[in-house]
PDB file of N, CA and C in Angstrom:
ATOM      1  N   MET A   1     100.973 201.705 155.769  1.00  0.00           N
ATOM      2  CA  MET A   1     100.518 200.473 154.868  1.00  0.00           C
ATOM      3  C   MET A   1     100.877 200.778 153.478  1.00  0.00           C
ATOM      4  N   LEU A   2     100.879 201.974 153.018  1.00  0.00           N
ATOM      5  CA  LEU A   2     101.084 202.161 151.550  1.00  0.00           C
ATOM      6  C   LEU A   2     102.683 202.043 151.293  1.00  0.00           C
ATOM      7  N   LEU A   3     103.528 202.213 152.415  1.00  0.00           N
ATOM      8  CA  LEU A   3     104.906 201.979 152.270  1.00  0.00           C
ATOM      9  C   LEU A   3     105.275 200.577 152.350  1.00  0.00           C
ATOM     10  N   ALA A   4     104.559 199.797 152.953  1.00  0.00           N
ATOM     11  CA  ALA A   4     104.834 198.245 153.128  1.00  0.00           C
ATOM     12  C   ALA A   4     104.601 197.583 151.647  1.00  0.00           C
ATOM     13  N   GLN A   5     105.737 197.009 151.214  1.00  0.00           N
ATOM     14  CA  GLN A   5     105.657 196.189 149.945  1.00  0.00           C
ATOM     15  C   GLN A   5     105.238 194.746 150.320  1.00  0.00           C
ATOM     16  N   PRO A   6     104.841 194.030 149.583  1.00  0.00           N
ATOM     17  CA  PRO A   6     103.753 193.929 148.768  1.00  0.00           C
ATOM     18  C   PRO A   6     102.510 193.598 149.527  1.00  0.00           C
ATOM     19  N   THR A   7     101.822 194.573 149.997  1.00  0.00           N
ATOM     20  CA  THR A   7     100.556 194.225 150.766  1.00  0.00           C
ATOM     21  C   THR A   7      99.535 193.500 150.043  1.00  0.00           C
ATOM     22  N   PHE A   8      99.392 193.650 148.663  1.00  0.00           N
ATOM     23  CA  PHE A   8      98.379 193.040 148.101  1.00  0.00           C
ATOM     24  C   PHE A   8      98.592 191.389 147.999  1.00  0.00           C
ATOM     25  N   ARG A   9      99.764 191.228 147.613  1.00  0.00           N
ATOM     26  CA  ARG A   9     100.154 189.697 147.498  1.00  0.00           C
ATOM     27  C   ARG A   9     100.129 189.170 148.993  1.00  0.00           C
ATOM     28  N   ARG A  10     100.573 189.761 150.028  1.00  0.00           N
ATOM     29  CA  ARG A  10     100.329 189.115 151.241  1.00  0.00           C
ATOM     30  C   ARG A  10      98.968 188.989 151.807  1.00  0.00           C
ATOM     31  N   ASN A  11      98.200 189.940 151.537  1.00  0.00           N
ATOM     32  CA  ASN A  11      96.826 190.019 151.785  1.00  0.00           C
ATOM     33  C   ASN A  11      96.089 188.709 151.022  1.00  0.00           C
ATOM     34  N   GLU A  12      96.425 188.549 149.884  1.00  0.00           N
ATOM     35  CA  GLU A  12      95.774 187.544 148.886  1.00  0.00           C
ATOM     36  C   GLU A  12      96.099 186.150 149.425  1.00  0.00           C
ATOM     37  N   VAL A  13      97.537 185.996 149.745  1.00  0.00           N
ATOM     38  CA  VAL A  13      97.903 184.796 150.296  1.00  0.00           C
ATOM     39  C   VAL A  13      97.274 184.335 151.611  1.00  0.00           C
ATOM     40  N   MET A  14      97.209 185.515 152.494  1.00  0.00           N
ATOM     41  CA  MET A  14      96.338 185.155 153.845  1.00  0.00           C
ATOM     42  C   MET A  14      95.054 184.770 153.652  1.00  0.00           C
ATOM     43  N   PHE A  15      94.242 185.536 152.662  1.00  0.00           N
ATOM     44  CA  PHE A  15      92.825 185.139 152.492  1.00  0.00           C
ATOM     45  C   PHE A  15      92.651 183.771 151.801  1.00  0.00           C
ATOM     46  N   ALA A  16      93.574 183.429 151.045  1.00  0.00           N
ATOM     47  CA  ALA A  16      93.542 182.095 150.416  1.00  0.00           C
ATOM     48  C   ALA A  16      93.748 181.017 151.314  1.00  0.00           C
ATOM     49  N   VAL A  17      94.818 181.130 152.313  1.00  0.00           N
ATOM     50  CA  VAL A  17      94.980 180.155 153.450  1.00  0.00           C
ATOM     51  C   VAL A  17      93.784 180.034 154.310  1.00  0.00           C
ATOM     52  N   ALA A  18      93.167 181.336 154.626  1.00  0.00           N
ATOM     53  CA  ALA A  18      91.787 181.192 155.377  1.00  0.00           C
ATOM     54  C   ALA A  18      90.939 180.575 154.707  1.00  0.00           C
ATOM     55  N   GLY A  19      90.581 180.722 153.398  1.00  0.00           N
ATOM     56  CA  GLY A  19      89.726 180.011 152.488  1.00  0.00           C
ATOM     57  C   GLY A  19      89.776 178.476 152.627  1.00  0.00           C
ATOM     58  N   VAL A  20      91.152 178.068 152.414  1.00  0.00           N
ATOM     59  CA  VAL A  20      91.439 176.636 152.474  1.00  0.00           C
ATOM     60  C   VAL A  20      91.129 176.031 153.958  1.00  0.00           C
ATOM     61  N   ALA A  21      91.530 176.756 154.843  1.00  0.00           N
ATOM     62  CA  ALA A  21      91.359 176.192 156.189  1.00  0.00           C
ATOM     63  C   ALA A  21      89.713 176.254 156.586  1.00  0.00           C
ATOM     64  N   LEU A  22      89.026 177.265 156.140  1.00  0.00           N
ATOM     65  CA  LEU A  22      87.639 177.183 156.279  1.00  0.00           C
ATOM     66  C   LEU A  22      87.063 175.994 155.638  1.00  0.00           C
ATOM     67  N   ALA A  23      87.564 175.732 154.287  1.00  0.00           N
ATOM     68  CA  ALA A  23      87.019 174.683 153.622  1.00  0.00           C
ATOM     69  C   ALA A  23      87.280 173.171 154.193  1.00  0.00           C
ATOM     70  N   VAL A  24      88.489 173.143 154.773  1.00  0.00           N
ATOM     71  CA  VAL A  24      88.899 171.874 155.448  1.00  0.00           C
ATOM     72  C   VAL A  24      87.938 171.807 156.809  1.00  0.00           C
ATOM     73  N   LEU A  25      87.860 172.949 157.549  1.00  0.00           N
ATOM     74  CA  LEU A  25      87.245 172.817 158.791  1.00  0.00           C
ATOM     75  C   LEU A  25      85.590 172.516 158.677  1.00  0.00           C
ATOM     76  N   MET A  26      84.967 173.175 157.611  1.00  0.00           N
ATOM     77  CA  MET A  26      83.668 172.930 157.381  1.00  0.00           C
ATOM     78  C   MET A  26      83.489 171.504 156.825  1.00  0.00           C
ATOM     79  N   GLY A  27      84.331 171.025 156.181  1.00  0.00           N
ATOM     80  CA  GLY A  27      84.250 169.594 155.637  1.00  0.00           C
ATOM     81  C   GLY A  27      84.424 168.599 156.926  1.00  0.00           C
ATOM     82  N   TRP A  28      85.347 168.923 157.795  1.00  0.00           N
ATOM     83  CA  TRP A  28      85.536 168.129 158.900  1.00  0.00           C
ATOM     84  C   TRP A  28      84.220 168.126 159.826  1.00  0.00           C
ATOM     85  N   TRP A  29      83.696 169.368 160.058  1.00  0.00           N
ATOM     86  CA  TRP A  29      82.613 169.570 160.860  1.00  0.00           C
ATOM     87  C   TRP A  29      81.261 168.881 160.489  1.00  0.00           C
ATOM     88  N   TRP A  30      81.242 168.841 159.008  1.00  0.00           N
ATOM     89  CA  TRP A  30      80.063 168.165 158.403  1.00  0.00           C
ATOM     90  C   TRP A  30      80.169 166.669 158.234  1.00  0.00           C
ATOM     91  N   HIS A  31      81.369 166.165 158.408  1.00  0.00           N
ATOM     92  CA  HIS A  31      81.682 164.804 158.121  1.00  0.00           C
ATOM     93  C   HIS A  31      81.702 164.374 156.768  1.00  0.00           C
ATOM     94  N   THR A  32      82.233 165.410 155.912  1.00  0.00           N
ATOM     95  CA  THR A  32      81.868 165.169 154.428  1.00  0.00           C
ATOM     96  C   THR A  32      83.245 164.403 153.907  1.00  0.00           C
ATOM     97  N   ASP A  33      83.096 163.581 152.902  1.00  0.00           N
ATOM     98  CA  ASP A  33      84.308 163.046 152.264  1.00  0.00           C
ATOM     99  C   ASP A  33      84.571 163.728 150.970  1.00  0.00           C
ATOM    100  N   PHE A  34      85.768 164.384 151.005  1.00  0.00           N
ATOM    101  CA  PHE A  34      86.105 165.301 149.890  1.00  0.00           C
ATOM    102  C   PHE A  34      87.038 164.325 148.953  1.00  0.00           C
ATOM    103  N   THR A  35      86.392 163.498 148.364  1.00  0.00           N
ATOM    104  CA  THR A  35      87.038 162.659 147.431  1.00  0.00           C
ATOM    105  C   THR A  35      86.350 163.029 146.047  1.00  0.00           C
ATOM    106  N   GLY A  36      87.070 163.086 144.906  1.00  0.00           N
ATOM    107  CA  GLY A  36      86.535 163.340 143.600  1.00  0.00           C
ATOM    108  C   GLY A  36      86.484 164.921 143.258  1.00  0.00           C
ATOM    109  N   MET A  37      85.702 165.079 142.160  1.00  0.00           N
ATOM    110  CA  MET A  37      85.339 166.302 141.773  1.00  0.00           C
ATOM    111  C   MET A  37      84.643 167.258 142.844  1.00  0.00           C
ATOM    112  N   ALA A  38      83.833 166.591 143.483  1.00  0.00           N
ATOM    113  CA  ALA A  38      83.038 167.408 144.453  1.00  0.00           C
ATOM    114  C   ALA A  38      83.970 168.110 145.581  1.00  0.00           C
ATOM    115  N   GLY A  39      84.889 167.487 146.055  1.00  0.00           N
ATOM    116  CA  GLY A  39      85.939 168.112 146.928  1.00  0.00           C
ATOM    117  C   GLY A  39      86.699 169.287 146.221  1.00  0.00           C
ATOM    118  N   VAL A  40      87.115 168.950 144.975  1.00  0.00           N
ATOM    119  CA  VAL A  40      87.897 170.048 144.186  1.00  0.00           C
ATOM    120  C   VAL A  40      87.082 171.196 144.003  1.00  0.00           C
ATOM    121  N   ILE A  41      85.686 171.081 143.740  1.00  0.00           N
ATOM    122  CA  ILE A  41      84.941 172.098 143.523  1.00  0.00           C
ATOM    123  C   ILE A  41      84.571 172.941 144.878  1.00  0.00           C
ATOM    124  N   TRP A  42      84.465 172.170 145.930  1.00  0.00           N
ATOM    125  CA  TRP A  42      84.386 172.803 147.230  1.00  0.00           C
ATOM    126  C   TRP A  42      85.451 173.700 147.527  1.00  0.00           C
ATOM    127  N   PHE A  43      86.663 173.172 147.388  1.00  0.00           N
ATOM    128  CA  PHE A  43      87.842 173.893 147.782  1.00  0.00           C
ATOM    129  C   PHE A  43      88.024 175.189 146.892  1.00  0.00           C
ATOM    130  N   VAL A  44      87.794 174.931 145.650  1.00  0.00           N
ATOM    131  CA  VAL A  44      87.929 176.131 144.746  1.00  0.00           C
ATOM    132  C   VAL A  44      86.838 177.213 144.883  1.00  0.00           C
ATOM    133  N   VAL A  45      85.636 176.904 145.205  1.00  0.00           N
ATOM    134  CA  VAL A  45      84.615 177.873 145.530  1.00  0.00           C
ATOM    135  C   VAL A  45      84.939 178.678 146.819  1.00  0.00           C
ATOM    136  N   VAL A  46      85.255 177.824 147.875  1.00  0.00           N
ATOM    137  CA  VAL A  46      85.495 178.513 149.199  1.00  0.00           C
ATOM    138  C   VAL A  46      86.723 179.357 149.221  1.00  0.00           C
ATOM    139  N   THR A  47      87.809 178.755 148.545  1.00  0.00           N
ATOM    140  CA  THR A  47      88.996 179.557 148.333  1.00  0.00           C
ATOM    141  C   THR A  47      89.022 180.952 147.466  1.00  0.00           C
ATOM    142  N   GLY A  48      87.908 180.599 146.389  1.00  0.00           N
ATOM    143  CA  GLY A  48      87.750 181.835 145.493  1.00  0.00           C
ATOM    144  C   GLY A  48      87.032 182.772 146.181  1.00  0.00           C
ATOM    145  N   VAL A  49      86.043 182.475 147.087  1.00  0.00           N
ATOM    146  CA  VAL A  49      85.364 183.603 147.840  1.00  0.00           C
ATOM    147  C   VAL A  49      86.207 184.306 148.736  1.00  0.00           C
ATOM    148  N   GLY A  50      87.008 183.401 149.363  1.00  0.00           N
ATOM    149  CA  GLY A  50      88.003 184.140 150.225  1.00  0.00           C
ATOM    150  C   GLY A  50      89.023 185.107 149.579  1.00  0.00           C
ATOM    151  N   LEU A  51      89.450 184.705 148.333  1.00  0.00           N
ATOM    152  CA  LEU A  51      90.269 185.610 147.620  1.00  0.00           C
ATOM    153  C   LEU A  51      89.432 186.770 147.205  1.00  0.00           C
ATOM    154  N   ALA A  52      88.339 186.763 146.759  1.00  0.00           N
ATOM    155  CA  ALA A  52      87.361 187.839 146.395  1.00  0.00           C
ATOM    156  C   ALA A  52      87.152 188.807 147.502  1.00  0.00           C
ATOM    157  N   TYR A  53      86.848 188.140 148.673  1.00  0.00           N
ATOM    158  CA  TYR A  53      86.553 189.085 149.947  1.00  0.00           C
ATOM    159  C   TYR A  53      87.988 189.857 150.146  1.00  0.00           C
ATOM    160  N   GLY A  54      89.016 189.019 150.192  1.00  0.00           N
ATOM    161  CA  GLY A  54      90.380 189.680 150.378  1.00  0.00           C
ATOM    162  C   GLY A  54      90.807 190.877 149.494  1.00  0.00           C
ATOM    163  N   THR A  55      90.350 190.682 148.239  1.00  0.00           N
ATOM    164  CA  THR A  55      90.603 191.734 147.238  1.00  0.00           C
ATOM    165  C   THR A  55      89.712 192.984 147.516  1.00  0.00           C
ATOM    166  N   VAL A  56      88.474 192.698 147.752  1.00  0.00           N
ATOM    167  CA  VAL A  56      87.648 193.888 148.148  1.00  0.00           C
ATOM    168  C   VAL A  56      88.060 194.542 149.358  1.00  0.00           C
ATOM    169  N   LEU A  57      88.347 193.779 150.379  1.00  0.00           N
ATOM    170  CA  LEU A  57      88.826 194.403 151.753  1.00  0.00           C
ATOM    171  C   LEU A  57      90.127 195.205 151.374  1.00  0.00           C
ATOM    172  N   TRP A  58      91.135 194.738 150.575  1.00  0.00           N
ATOM    173  CA  TRP A  58      92.249 195.459 150.456  1.00  0.00           C
ATOM    174  C   TRP A  58      92.112 196.679 149.494  1.00  0.00           C
ATOM    175  N   THR A  59      91.183 196.582 148.517  1.00  0.00           N
ATOM    176  CA  THR A  59      90.861 197.776 147.653  1.00  0.00           C
ATOM    177  C   THR A  59      90.159 198.887 148.550  1.00  0.00           C
ATOM    178  N   VAL A  60      89.271 198.498 149.443  1.00  0.00           N
ATOM    179  CA  VAL A  60      88.504 199.521 150.115  1.00  0.00           C
ATOM    180  C   VAL A  60      89.589 200.093 151.217  1.00  0.00           C
ATOM    181  N   ASN A  61      90.331 199.260 151.889  1.00  0.00           N
ATOM    182  CA  ASN A  61      91.411 199.766 152.730  1.00  0.00           C
ATOM    183  C   ASN A  61      92.436 200.796 151.954  1.00  0.00           C
ATOM    184  N   HIS A  62      92.910 200.335 151.140  1.00  0.00           N
ATOM    185  CA  HIS A  62      93.998 201.087 150.063  1.00  0.00           C
ATOM    186  C   HIS A  62      93.373 202.454 149.520  1.00  0.00           C
ATOM    187  N   THR A  63      92.009 202.362 149.236  1.00  0.00           N
ATOM    188  CA  THR A  63      91.184 203.677 148.870  1.00  0.00           C
ATOM    189  C   THR A  63      91.257 204.576 149.971  1.00  0.00           C
ATOM    190  N   PHE A  64      90.697 204.084 151.164  1.00  0.00           N
ATOM    191  CA  PHE A  64      90.617 204.948 152.317  1.00  0.00           C
ATOM    192  C   PHE A  64      91.858 205.682 152.672  1.00  0.00           C
ATOM    193  N   ILE A  65      92.968 204.857 152.798  1.00  0.00           N
ATOM    194  CA  ILE A  65      94.247 205.308 153.146  1.00  0.00           C
ATOM    195  C   ILE A  65      94.640 206.493 152.202  1.00  0.00           C
ATOM    196  N   ARG A  66      94.442 206.237 150.747  1.00  0.00           N
ATOM    197  CA  ARG A  66      94.801 207.281 149.894  1.00  0.00           C
ATOM    198  C   ARG A  66      93.874 208.580 149.990  1.00  0.00           C
ATOM    199  N   ILE A  67      92.695 208.437 150.568  1.00  0.00           N
ATOM    200  CA  ILE A  67      91.948 209.592 150.585  1.00  0.00           C
ATOM    201  C   ILE A  67      92.113 210.249 151.901  1.00  0.00           C
ATOM    202  N   PHE A  68      92.334 209.598 153.054  1.00  0.00           N
ATOM    203  CA  PHE A  68      92.665 210.312 154.260  1.00  0.00           C
ATOM    204  C   PHE A  68      93.844 210.317 154.798  1.00  0.00           C
ATOM    205  N   ARG A  69      94.943 210.110 153.881  1.00  0.00           N
ATOM    206  CA  ARG A  69      96.376 209.920 154.176  1.00  0.00           C
ATOM    207  C   ARG A  69      96.688 211.365 154.999  1.00  0.00           C
ATOM    208  N   GLY A  70      96.499 212.392 154.514  1.00  0.00           N
ATOM    209  CA  GLY A  70      96.803 213.699 155.158  1.00  0.00           C
ATOM    210  C   GLY A  70      95.936 214.093 156.428  1.00  0.00           C
ATOM    211  N   HIS A  71      94.754 213.511 156.540  1.00  0.00           N
ATOM    212  CA  HIS A  71      93.856 213.981 157.443  1.00  0.00           C
ATOM    213  C   HIS A  71      93.887 213.136 158.822  1.00  0.00           C
ATOM    214  N   ILE A  72      94.599 211.997 158.970  1.00  0.00           N
ATOM    215  CA  ILE A  72      94.682 211.260 160.128  1.00  0.00           C
ATOM    216  C   ILE A  72      95.988 211.666 161.068  1.00  0.00           C
ATOM    217  N   ARG A  73      95.880 211.836 162.104  1.00  0.00           N
ATOM    218  CA  ARG A  73      96.948 212.049 162.972  1.00  0.00           C
ATOM    219  C   ARG A  73      97.198 210.700 163.785  1.00  0.00           C
ATOM    220  N   ILE A  74      98.441 210.567 163.998  1.00  0.00           N
ATOM    221  CA  ILE A  74      98.646 209.263 164.856  1.00  0.00           C
ATOM    222  C   ILE A  74      98.974 209.846 166.256  1.00  0.00           C
ATOM    223  N   ASN A  75      98.234 209.322 167.119  1.00  0.00           N
ATOM    224  CA  ASN A  75      98.457 209.813 168.555  1.00  0.00           C
ATOM    225  C   ASN A  75      99.375 208.822 169.349  1.00  0.00           C
ATOM    226  N   VAL A  76     100.551 209.201 169.495  1.00  0.00           N
ATOM    227  CA  VAL A  76     101.531 208.294 170.196  1.00  0.00           C
ATOM    228  C   VAL A  76     101.885 209.023 171.397  1.00  0.00           C
ATOM    229  N   HIS A  77     101.761 208.283 172.514  1.00  0.00           N
ATOM    230  CA  HIS A  77     102.076 208.876 173.844  1.00  0.00           C
ATOM    231  C   HIS A  77     103.412 208.280 174.320  1.00  0.00           C
TER     232      HIS A  77
END
């Protein structure tokens, strides 16, 4: 994972896409009309939460990989 470039950017894009998809699906499920400023705020908040979660997840995984890089054996049969 450390050798794969640009993992952070790819991770953020995927979590942003997931946030937008979640915002759309929740709006569709609740039969909400996303017109005007309320819709913009909804998309920004849900996408922002997705980006924040993606950043935290990437940081934790990146830290664990750096700490345990020499201690993990890959068992390939």
